[in-house]
Amino acid sequence: MAPTGDTAELGRLLRGGPFHLALRAALAARGLPLHRIQHRLAARGIKVGVTSLSYWQQGARRPRHPESLRAVTALEQILELPDGALVRLLAAPQAAPGPARPAGRSYRALFSMGGTVERLLDAMELPPDGGLHTLGHHERVRIGPAGELRVRESQQIVRAHRDGVDRYLAVHHGDPGCDVSRIGVTAYENCRTGRVRCHPEAGVVVAELLFDARLRRGDTYVFGYGIEDGTGARSGEYVRGFSYAGGQYMLQVRFDEAALPVRCRRFARTGPQAPRTGLVDLTPSGRHRAVHLVEQTVRRGILGITWDWE
């Protein structure tokens, strides 16, 4: 019998790749959903999440860790493929990515602890590019009576620049002396908290916020979340890094009446070691003890508010 179109396409992809399209075609040919694949892998003692499997077939992440490569070998058996058919494709060089997303900057280019963030994401088998860029972000920060960063709350509007995006990665960098084990992440609106990973020495927390829907490229989504800290030393600034240009950003910092700064200023930076530019004095409102900035169209880099206590 002559091979069907689907079978012929699978054969072509197994011969020439790329890996993610071959995996996707094999999954479609066998008609197995990802949760069943996960269960069959678990029965063989291999622990791989549905999210990782989804990223593999999208091309957002390639299996690299030993457990992941062991899973790929098992997938060849589960999907009734020739031995080494998928593993061989992983050894082939990746094609250069097409213009599917706006130009972005890495965590390393934005923050001194960016390398730590990328290592945490790598251990979670999540791509540094989460597949989203922000259209609007309103952020409120509350400073406590000892000058500590007590709470920050965010509401965001995002757009997906690839198919299959179903989560946002929230990154929090505490002030010196913070206790990451006591920092809490709360999902407020249209999301729920997934995995949370910490780096105590760097004071970094990375949290998944899982959406209620899986987005297609071009879809927009609104969600809100908060991070409760209050464990670090007296804070002197709050900054937000932007990997992508465009979108509106509003930051409000509210101070406790027991800890009022003597001076507040907004500023911008192109990178973690770059000098502050665009310094503008901000005057706290009397009753609410708050200052804010609004940027109608953000540029790639860092925006923030700094304050002096004396």
Foldseek 3Di string as FASTA:
>chain_A
DDDDPLVVVLVVCLVPHQLLCNLVSLCVVVVDQLVVLQVVCVVVVQHDDSVLNVCSNQVLFPDDDPSSLVSVQVVCVVSVHPGCSNVVNSPDDDDDDDPLDAFFDALVFAAVCRVVVCVVCVVVRHHSPLQKAFAEKEKEWEADLQQATFKMKMKTKIFGSAFFRFKDKDKDFGAPQWALVPKDKAWDFQWGWDDWDADGVRRMIITITGGPDTDHHGDMDITMMMMGTRRHHRDFKDKDFHGAKFHKYKYKYFYDPNQAFPWKWKWWAAHHPGDTPPTDTFDQDDPRRMTMDMDGIGHGYMIIMGTHRD
